[in-house]
C-alpha cells in the first residue's frame, strides 16, 4: 500500500499564536524553562526548531530517547521571558528529571507546577480534541515506543531536519532521508470499553502478530474513538481487532487530513 501521507506537506512550527492554536490543554501541565541559555539548551533536547517559536506563539515537538523514540510529545509555548513545555501531567516530573541531567553548566532554570488534581472533564475534552486533530500523545505506558514520524509529528511541524543535533536526531533523520517509514498515525473507532494507550492491535485475517498500538482513546456515543500507530500495509484492513479479551473489532483506519500550511 502507498503511504497515504506521502504527499502531505508539513506545517511550519509556528502557524498561529498560542491563543489561536485551538488547544486548551487544561489538563496538561508545564515545565517552565528560563535563563540565558534556555533556547540553546532546548535546541539540543527537542526535535523542533525552538528558535522558530516566537513570543506568544506555540508549536509541537518531541523529546526523544537516544534510540530516537518519543518520551514525550510537547506543546512548546513561548512567552517574553520563558519557554513552557506543556505535556500530560503524568510526564512532568520524569521529563524534568531527565532534562536536568543535561543542564550541566548552562544558565537554565527548570520550574515544575504545583501539584493538582486531575480534572476528568478537561482531560476527556483535551484527549478528544487531540484525537480529532491527529496530534499524538505519549503517556508513561507508551514512552520509548514510536519514532516521531510514525505518529505524524513531521506533518504538524514537530520536527526540524535543518536545525542540527538533538537527542535521537540520528535515528529520526535516517528514517526521513532513507524513506523507509512503515508506520503512521490513523484514526479508528470501536465498540465496548475504551482501550488503554499502548493496547496492541492485530489483524484477525493475518498471522496474529501485532500491526500497531492505540495511542489514545476516548469514549463516544457509539463506543470509543482512538488514534493509533499502524503499519501502513495494514491500514486498508477491515479485520483489525484489539488484542484483548474478546478481540474487539475496530473500524477500517482513516488517514488524517491536515490543514494546508499557513505562513507565520
Protein backbone atom coordinates (compact mmCIF):
# COMPACT_ATOMS: atom_id res chain seq x y z
CA UNK A 1 0.00 0.00 0.00
CA UNK A 2 1.18 3.53 -0.81
CA UNK A 3 1.78 5.71 2.24
CA UNK A 4 -1.41 7.85 2.45
CA UNK A 5 0.70 10.67 3.87
CA UNK A 6 3.40 10.62 1.19
CA UNK A 7 2.08 13.77 -0.47
CA UNK A 8 1.37 15.68 2.70
CA UNK A 9 3.23 18.89 3.43
CA UNK A 10 4.42 19.66 6.96
CA UNK A 11 3.16 22.61 8.91
CA UNK A 12 5.56 25.33 9.92
CA UNK A 13 6.03 25.11 13.68
CA UNK A 14 4.53 28.49 14.47
CA UNK A 15 1.46 28.62 12.28
CA UNK A 16 -0.61 30.53 14.83
CA UNK A 17 -0.37 32.35 18.09
CA UNK A 18 -0.81 30.30 21.23
CA UNK A 19 -4.22 31.90 21.78
CA UNK A 20 -5.40 30.93 18.28
CA UNK A 21 -3.94 27.44 18.22
CA UNK A 22 -7.21 25.81 19.29
CA UNK A 23 -5.91 23.51 22.03
CA UNK A 24 -6.80 24.46 25.59
CA UNK A 25 -4.91 21.50 27.12
CA UNK A 26 -6.22 22.48 30.55
CA UNK A 27 -5.50 19.00 31.89
CA UNK A 28 -1.82 19.27 30.93
CA UNK A 29 0.94 20.89 32.97
CA UNK A 30 4.13 22.75 32.12
CA UNK A 31 7.82 22.60 32.83
CA UNK A 32 8.90 26.24 32.66
CA UNK A 33 12.38 26.69 31.21
CA UNK A 34 14.07 30.05 31.62
CA UNK A 35 17.53 31.58 31.75
CA UNK A 36 20.04 33.00 29.29
CA UNK A 37 20.71 29.59 27.71
CA UNK A 38 17.13 28.27 27.66
CA UNK A 39 16.69 28.35 23.89
CA UNK A 40 20.11 26.88 23.13
CA UNK A 41 19.60 24.17 25.72
CA UNK A 42 16.22 23.13 24.31
CA UNK A 43 17.54 23.15 20.75
CA UNK A 44 19.75 20.24 21.78
CA UNK A 45 16.91 18.37 23.50
CA UNK A 46 13.76 18.73 21.38
CA UNK A 47 13.02 17.71 17.79
CA UNK A 48 11.56 21.03 16.68
CA UNK A 49 13.31 24.31 15.96
CA UNK A 50 12.67 26.11 19.23
CA UNK A 51 14.23 29.30 17.83
CA UNK A 52 11.36 29.47 15.33
CA UNK A 53 8.77 29.74 18.11
CA UNK A 54 8.19 33.46 18.55
CA UNK A 55 6.88 35.03 21.77
CA UNK A 56 3.21 34.25 22.41
CA UNK A 57 3.31 31.50 19.76
CA UNK A 58 3.23 27.74 20.14
CA UNK A 59 4.18 24.59 18.28
CA UNK A 60 4.75 20.87 18.69
CA UNK A 61 7.94 18.95 19.45
CA UNK A 62 9.05 15.56 20.70
CA UNK A 63 11.50 14.75 23.44
CA UNK A 64 13.28 11.56 22.45
CA UNK A 65 15.43 8.84 23.90
CA UNK A 66 18.86 8.22 22.33
CA UNK A 67 17.14 5.46 20.32
CA UNK A 68 15.07 8.19 18.63
CA UNK A 69 11.80 7.08 20.21
CA UNK A 70 9.50 9.57 21.85
CA UNK A 71 9.50 10.08 25.59
CA UNK A 72 7.01 12.95 25.31
CA UNK A 73 5.07 14.98 22.78
CA UNK A 74 5.35 18.57 23.93
CA UNK A 75 3.45 21.77 23.21
CA UNK A 76 6.12 24.46 23.15
CA UNK A 77 4.69 27.81 24.27
CA UNK A 78 6.93 30.85 24.38
CA UNK A 79 6.48 33.99 26.44
CA UNK A 80 8.73 37.03 26.71
CA UNK A 81 10.94 35.55 29.43
CA UNK A 82 10.43 31.77 29.42
CA UNK A 83 9.56 28.70 27.35
CA UNK A 84 6.79 26.45 28.68
CA UNK A 85 6.89 22.77 27.81
CA UNK A 86 3.31 21.55 28.13
CA UNK A 87 2.63 17.82 28.38
CA UNK A 88 0.39 15.36 30.21
CA UNK A 89 0.77 15.93 33.94
CA UNK A 90 1.99 12.36 34.47
CA UNK A 91 5.11 13.14 32.41
CA UNK A 92 6.15 16.43 34.01
CA UNK A 93 8.35 15.05 36.76
CA UNK A 94 10.13 12.32 34.76
CA UNK A 95 10.76 14.65 31.82
CA UNK A 96 12.05 17.44 34.07
CA UNK A 97 14.28 14.98 35.90
CA UNK A 98 15.80 13.80 32.63
CA UNK A 99 16.25 17.33 31.28
CA UNK A 100 18.13 18.34 34.45
CA UNK A 101 20.69 15.63 33.74
CA UNK A 102 21.86 17.63 30.72
CA UNK A 103 21.78 21.19 32.09
CA UNK A 104 25.37 20.94 33.40
CA UNK A 105 26.82 24.49 33.39
CA UNK A 106 24.12 26.00 31.18
CA UNK A 107 22.33 29.05 32.55
CA UNK A 108 18.98 27.31 32.67
CA UNK A 109 16.26 27.02 35.30
CA UNK A 110 13.51 24.40 35.26
CA UNK A 111 10.42 25.05 37.37
CA UNK A 112 7.66 22.49 37.90
CA UNK A 113 4.00 23.30 38.55
CA UNK A 114 2.34 22.90 41.92
CA UNK A 115 0.60 19.54 42.41
CA UNK A 116 -3.02 19.50 41.30
CA UNK A 117 -5.82 17.00 40.98
CA UNK A 118 -6.79 15.83 37.53
CA UNK A 119 -9.94 17.41 36.11
CA UNK A 120 -11.56 14.41 34.43
CA UNK A 121 -13.82 16.55 32.24
CA UNK A 122 -10.90 18.64 30.99
CA UNK A 123 -8.85 15.51 30.44
CA UNK A 124 -11.56 13.88 28.32
CA UNK A 125 -12.05 17.07 26.30
CA UNK A 126 -8.33 17.52 25.66
CA UNK A 127 -7.90 13.91 24.60
CA UNK A 128 -10.88 14.07 22.23
CA UNK A 129 -9.60 17.28 20.62
CA UNK A 130 -6.14 15.86 20.02
CA UNK A 131 -7.51 12.61 18.57
CA UNK A 132 -9.79 14.60 16.27
CA UNK A 133 -6.89 16.80 15.13
CA UNK A 134 -4.44 13.95 14.57
CA UNK A 135 -1.99 15.10 17.22
CA UNK A 136 -0.24 12.21 19.01
CA UNK A 137 0.24 11.95 22.76
CA UNK A 138 2.75 9.95 24.78
CA UNK A 139 1.94 8.63 28.26
CA UNK A 140 4.20 6.80 30.74
CA UNK A 141 2.99 3.44 29.41
CA UNK A 142 3.87 4.36 25.80
CA UNK A 143 7.22 6.08 26.30
CA UNK A 144 10.12 4.96 24.10
CA UNK A 145 7.79 3.14 21.69
CA UNK A 146 7.45 5.22 18.50
CA UNK A 147 9.79 7.32 16.37
CA UNK A 148 8.20 10.74 15.86
CA UNK A 149 7.34 10.28 12.18
CA UNK A 150 5.39 7.12 12.98
CA UNK A 151 2.99 9.37 14.91
CA UNK A 152 2.83 12.05 12.17
CA UNK A 153 4.82 14.61 14.16
CA UNK A 154 6.61 15.61 10.96
CA UNK A 155 3.23 16.57 9.44
CA UNK A 156 2.37 19.04 12.22
CA UNK A 157 5.69 20.88 12.25
CA UNK A 158 7.14 18.97 15.19
CA UNK A 159 10.45 18.01 13.58
CA UNK A 160 13.19 20.20 12.10
CA UNK A 161 15.54 18.48 9.65
CA UNK A 162 17.80 21.53 9.35
CA UNK A 163 18.49 22.89 12.84
CA UNK A 164 21.25 20.50 13.89
CA UNK A 165 21.73 17.86 16.55
CA UNK A 166 19.37 16.90 19.36
CA UNK A 167 18.81 13.73 21.33
CA UNK A 168 17.66 10.96 18.99
CA UNK A 169 18.26 13.08 15.89
CA UNK A 170 20.33 10.47 14.04
CA UNK A 171 17.51 7.91 14.07
CA UNK A 172 14.84 10.46 13.14
CA UNK A 173 16.95 11.87 10.28
CA UNK A 174 17.83 8.41 8.95
CA UNK A 175 14.17 7.47 8.78
CA UNK A 176 13.42 10.73 6.96
CA UNK A 177 16.18 10.56 4.37
CA UNK A 178 16.06 6.84 3.68
CA UNK A 179 12.29 6.99 3.31
CA UNK A 180 11.63 3.63 4.91
CA UNK A 181 8.69 4.69 7.07
CA UNK A 182 6.41 1.69 7.61
CA UNK A 183 4.06 3.08 10.29
CA UNK A 184 1.80 6.14 10.52
CA UNK A 185 -0.91 7.61 12.74
CA UNK A 186 -4.51 6.74 11.84
CA UNK A 187 -7.94 7.21 13.38
CA UNK A 188 -10.01 4.18 14.35
CA UNK A 189 -13.16 3.51 16.33
CA UNK A 190 -14.85 0.58 18.01
CA UNK A 191 -17.42 -0.63 20.50
CA UNK A 192 -17.00 -1.70 24.08
CA UNK A 193 -14.65 -0.48 26.79
CA UNK A 194 -12.21 2.31 25.94
CA UNK A 195 -8.76 0.75 25.29
CA UNK A 196 -5.76 1.98 27.25
CA UNK A 197 -2.87 3.70 25.47
CA UNK A 198 -0.46 1.07 24.24
CA UNK A 199 -3.09 -1.63 23.66
CA UNK A 200 -1.87 -3.79 20.79
CA UNK A 201 -3.82 -4.08 17.53
CA UNK A 202 -3.85 -7.27 15.45
CA UNK A 203 -5.21 -8.17 12.02
CA UNK A 204 -7.54 -11.12 12.62
CA UNK A 205 -7.07 -12.15 9.00
CA UNK A 206 -3.29 -12.12 9.33
CA UNK A 207 -0.69 -14.14 11.20
CA UNK A 208 -1.72 -12.98 14.66
CA UNK A 209 1.18 -10.59 15.11
CA UNK A 210 0.62 -7.02 16.28
CA UNK A 211 0.30 -4.45 13.48
CA UNK A 212 0.05 -1.38 15.69
CA UNK A 213 -0.86 0.20 19.00
CA UNK A 214 -3.50 2.50 20.42
CA UNK A 215 -2.02 5.96 21.02
CA UNK A 216 -5.03 7.39 22.85
CA UNK A 217 -8.77 6.76 23.05
CA UNK A 218 -11.91 8.35 24.49
CA UNK A 219 -15.50 7.23 24.89
CA UNK A 220 -18.13 8.41 22.42
CA UNK A 221 -21.80 7.65 21.80
CA UNK A 222 -21.02 4.50 19.78
CA UNK A 223 -18.23 3.17 21.98
CA UNK A 224 -14.86 4.85 21.54
CA UNK A 225 -12.74 6.77 19.07
CA UNK A 226 -8.98 6.49 19.05
CA UNK A 227 -5.72 7.40 17.38
CA UNK A 228 -3.39 4.52 16.57
CA UNK A 229 0.07 3.98 15.14
CA UNK A 230 -0.37 1.27 12.50
CA UNK A 231 1.68 -0.42 9.86
CA UNK A 232 0.87 1.34 6.60
CA UNK A 233 0.43 -2.08 5.00
CA UNK A 234 -2.41 -2.83 7.44
CA UNK A 235 -4.21 0.48 7.05
CA UNK A 236 -6.64 -0.81 4.43
CA UNK A 237 -7.66 -3.81 6.50
CA UNK A 238 -11.25 -4.21 7.65
CA UNK A 239 -10.32 -7.01 10.07
CA UNK A 240 -8.35 -5.17 12.74
CA UNK A 241 -9.05 -6.07 16.37
CA UNK A 242 -7.80 -5.02 19.78
CA UNK A 243 -5.52 -7.58 21.36
CA UNK A 244 -7.58 -8.11 24.49
CA UNK A 245 -10.24 -10.44 25.80
CA UNK A 246 -13.00 -10.63 23.21
CA UNK A 247 -10.83 -9.27 20.37
CA UNK A 248 -12.95 -6.11 19.98
CA UNK A 249 -13.28 -5.21 16.29
CA UNK A 250 -12.05 -1.86 15.02
CA UNK A 251 -13.31 0.23 12.15
CA UNK A 252 -11.27 0.49 8.98
CA UNK A 253 -8.46 3.02 9.69
CA UNK A 254 -8.81 6.56 8.39
CA UNK A 255 -5.81 8.66 7.42
CA UNK A 256 -5.76 12.14 8.92
CA UNK A 257 -6.11 15.15 6.67
CA UNK A 258 -4.13 18.10 7.96
CA UNK A 259 -4.82 21.73 7.02
CA UNK A 260 -2.66 23.44 4.42
CA UNK A 261 0.43 25.12 5.84
CA UNK A 262 -0.02 28.71 6.99
CA UNK A 263 2.76 31.25 6.64
CA UNK A 264 3.63 32.67 10.10
